[in-house]
Protein backbone atom coordinates (compact mmCIF):
# COMPACT_ATOMS: atom_id res chain seq x y z
CA MET A 1 1.88 -24.85 22.82
CA PRO A 2 1.15 -26.79 19.35
CA GLY A 3 3.55 -26.48 16.40
CA LEU A 4 2.41 -24.31 13.31
CA THR A 5 0.80 -26.21 10.90
CA PHE A 6 1.16 -26.13 7.53
CA SER A 7 -1.35 -23.33 6.50
CA ASP A 8 0.21 -21.05 9.19
CA THR A 9 3.66 -21.43 7.88
CA ALA A 10 2.21 -20.66 4.22
CA ALA A 11 0.69 -18.00 5.59
CA VAL A 12 4.10 -16.45 7.66
CA VAL A 13 5.92 -17.26 4.44
CA GLY A 14 3.74 -15.73 2.02
CA SER A 15 3.26 -12.43 4.52
CA ILE A 16 6.63 -12.24 4.93
CA SER A 17 7.55 -12.64 1.37
CA SER A 18 5.11 -10.01 0.19
CA LEU A 19 6.74 -7.42 2.86
CA LEU A 20 10.18 -8.04 1.45
CA LEU A 21 8.33 -7.67 -1.76
CA ALA A 22 6.84 -4.30 -0.77
CA GLY A 23 10.89 -3.29 0.58
CA VAL A 24 12.46 -4.47 -2.29
CA ASN A 25 9.59 -1.80 -4.79
CA PHE A 26 9.74 0.88 -2.15
CA SER A 27 13.64 0.74 -2.32
CA ALA A 28 14.19 1.26 -6.00
CA SER A 29 11.71 4.41 -5.69
CA GLN A 30 13.41 5.75 -2.78
CA LEU A 31 17.16 4.92 -3.11
CA THR A 32 17.83 4.21 -6.68
CA LEU A 33 15.94 6.29 -9.07
CA PRO A 34 15.89 10.20 -7.83
CA ILE A 35 20.20 9.21 -8.76
CA LEU A 36 18.77 9.22 -12.63
CA TYR A 37 17.14 12.22 -12.34
CA ARG A 38 20.60 14.43 -12.75
CA ILE A 39 22.58 12.00 -14.95
CA PRO A 40 22.74 12.25 -18.76
CA ASP A 41 19.96 10.39 -20.05
CA GLU A 42 21.94 7.64 -22.23
CA THR A 43 23.17 6.65 -18.61
CA SER A 44 20.16 6.82 -16.26
CA THR A 45 17.80 4.74 -18.96
CA SER A 46 20.99 2.41 -19.54
CA ILE A 47 20.70 1.61 -15.60
CA PHE A 48 17.24 2.06 -15.68
CA GLU A 49 17.20 -1.07 -17.47
CA GLU A 50 19.68 -2.79 -15.94
CA LEU A 51 17.69 -2.36 -12.58
CA PHE A 52 14.25 -2.92 -14.77
CA TYR A 53 15.62 -6.64 -15.84
CA ARG A 54 17.61 -6.93 -12.67
CA GLY A 55 14.17 -6.39 -10.37
CA GLY A 56 12.03 -8.83 -12.50
CA MET A 57 14.29 -11.77 -11.78
CA VAL A 58 13.33 -11.15 -8.30
CA ILE A 59 9.80 -9.28 -8.42
CA VAL A 60 8.21 -12.25 -10.31
CA PRO A 61 9.00 -15.03 -8.69
CA LEU A 62 8.70 -13.09 -5.63
CA THR A 63 4.97 -12.25 -6.07
CA LEU A 64 4.34 -15.65 -7.45
CA PHE A 65 5.73 -17.04 -4.26
CA ALA A 66 3.62 -14.79 -2.00
CA THR A 67 0.52 -15.22 -3.84
CA LEU A 68 0.88 -19.13 -3.73
CA CYS A 69 1.35 -19.01 -0.23
CA THR A 70 -1.14 -16.99 0.89
CA GLY A 71 -3.64 -18.25 -1.74
CA THR A 72 -3.03 -21.58 -0.44
CA THR A 73 -3.44 -20.97 2.89
CA ALA A 74 -7.49 -19.04 2.08
CA TYR A 75 -7.85 -22.47 0.54
CA LEU A 76 -7.08 -24.73 3.23
CA GLU A 77 -8.65 -22.47 6.24
CA PRO A 78 -12.21 -21.86 4.75
CA THR A 79 -12.68 -19.63 7.73
CA ALA A 80 -10.25 -16.94 7.16
CA ARG A 81 -10.62 -17.23 3.33
CA SER A 82 -11.73 -13.89 2.21
CA GLY A 83 -8.74 -12.45 4.53
CA TYR A 84 -6.03 -14.57 3.16
CA THR A 85 -7.73 -14.07 -0.19
CA ALA A 86 -7.73 -10.63 0.31
CA ALA A 87 -3.86 -10.98 0.95
CA ALA A 88 -3.14 -12.80 -2.24
CA VAL A 89 -4.96 -10.97 -4.36
CA ALA A 90 -3.11 -7.68 -3.32
CA SER A 91 0.30 -9.19 -3.50
CA PHE A 92 -0.55 -10.38 -6.73
CA ALA A 93 -2.09 -7.45 -8.05
CA SER A 94 1.33 -5.90 -8.89
CA LEU A 95 1.91 -8.03 -12.07
CA PRO A 96 -0.93 -6.76 -13.97
CA PHE A 97 -0.90 -3.17 -13.01
CA THR A 98 2.57 -3.38 -14.25
CA GLY A 99 1.19 -4.73 -17.73
CA LEU A 100 -1.74 -2.46 -17.81
CA TYR A 101 -0.66 0.81 -16.13
CA MET A 102 3.37 0.62 -16.43
CA ARG A 103 4.22 -0.55 -19.53
CA PRO A 104 4.11 2.17 -22.11
CA THR A 105 6.40 4.02 -19.90
CA ILE A 106 8.79 0.73 -19.48
CA GLN A 107 8.75 0.20 -23.39
CA ARG A 108 9.39 4.16 -23.67
CA LEU A 109 12.22 4.21 -21.12
CA LEU A 110 13.63 0.78 -22.92
CA LYS A 111 13.81 2.79 -26.08
CA LEU A 112 15.56 5.55 -24.78
CA ALA A 113 18.06 3.65 -23.61
CA ASN A 114 18.79 1.06 -26.34
CA ASP A 115 18.54 3.89 -29.35
CA GLU A 116 20.54 6.68 -29.93
CA LYS A 117 17.80 8.38 -33.04
CA VAL A 118 14.77 7.93 -30.09
CA ARG A 119 17.31 9.85 -27.52
CA GLN A 120 17.93 12.71 -30.27
CA LYS A 121 14.38 12.96 -31.01
CA ALA A 122 13.06 12.99 -27.22
CA ASP A 123 12.00 15.94 -25.57
CA ALA A 124 15.07 17.59 -23.08
CA ASN A 125 13.55 16.58 -19.81
CA GLU A 126 11.38 12.98 -21.39
CA ALA A 127 13.85 10.64 -19.45
CA VAL A 128 13.47 12.62 -16.06
CA SER A 129 9.51 12.65 -16.76
CA LEU A 130 9.14 8.65 -17.41
CA LEU A 131 11.61 8.09 -14.68
CA LYS A 132 9.60 10.17 -12.35
CA ARG A 133 6.18 8.27 -13.53
CA TRP A 134 7.67 5.07 -13.26
CA ARG A 135 8.77 5.60 -9.35
CA TRP A 136 5.34 7.04 -8.36
CA MET A 137 3.80 3.83 -10.02
CA ASN A 138 6.60 1.53 -8.46
CA PHE A 139 5.59 3.35 -4.97
CA VAL A 140 1.79 1.75 -5.81
CA ARG A 141 3.72 -1.41 -6.53
CA ALA A 142 5.05 -1.48 -3.22
CA ALA A 143 1.76 -0.71 -1.39
CA LEU A 144 0.06 -3.13 -2.98
CA ALA A 145 2.35 -6.15 -1.15
CA LEU A 146 2.58 -4.04 2.05
CA VAL A 147 -1.15 -4.12 1.84
CA GLY A 148 -0.77 -8.08 0.90
CA GLY A 149 1.76 -8.80 3.56
CA ALA A 150 -0.35 -6.84 6.28
CA VAL A 151 -3.55 -8.40 5.67
CA GLY A 152 -1.98 -12.16 6.11
CA LEU A 153 -0.61 -11.05 9.28
CA ALA A 154 -3.26 -9.52 10.36
CA VAL A 155 -5.34 -12.42 9.39
CA LEU A 156 -2.62 -14.85 10.53
CA LEU A 157 -2.79 -13.11 14.24
CA GLY A 158 -6.69 -13.48 14.43
CA ALA A 159 -6.99 -9.05 13.57
CA TRP A 160 -9.08 -9.30 10.62
């Protein structure tokens, strides 16, 4: 049985990284966010702020790493280029999605976390509404990473 090539290794590592990324995003949405709905806005938005910054320190590098691995494999494997390119694009897509669609929600939550005057002027359920919006958008990011990982493994296993 021949050993794994560099491209096979990059495909496995990139796909697994993307699946890990999906799990991190899904866990934040499923396990953490719902707990924040029932606590005071000052506390919930402060916890969100920490979750957001800590998550970014893991999610951004992991996204770039997964994209780099599957993108490299796409370059090295011309016969499977379209599949690995699709995996790389799906894995990477969460970063522009965050910047384009999630940014206003994130910025408002961060303002609520850091400014008492903003919190006092906010609608009664604004923080919860924003947290719920962020939650479903984060599920979208999890789905994109899941697609990237699944497609990468499907290509590697010859199912694509």
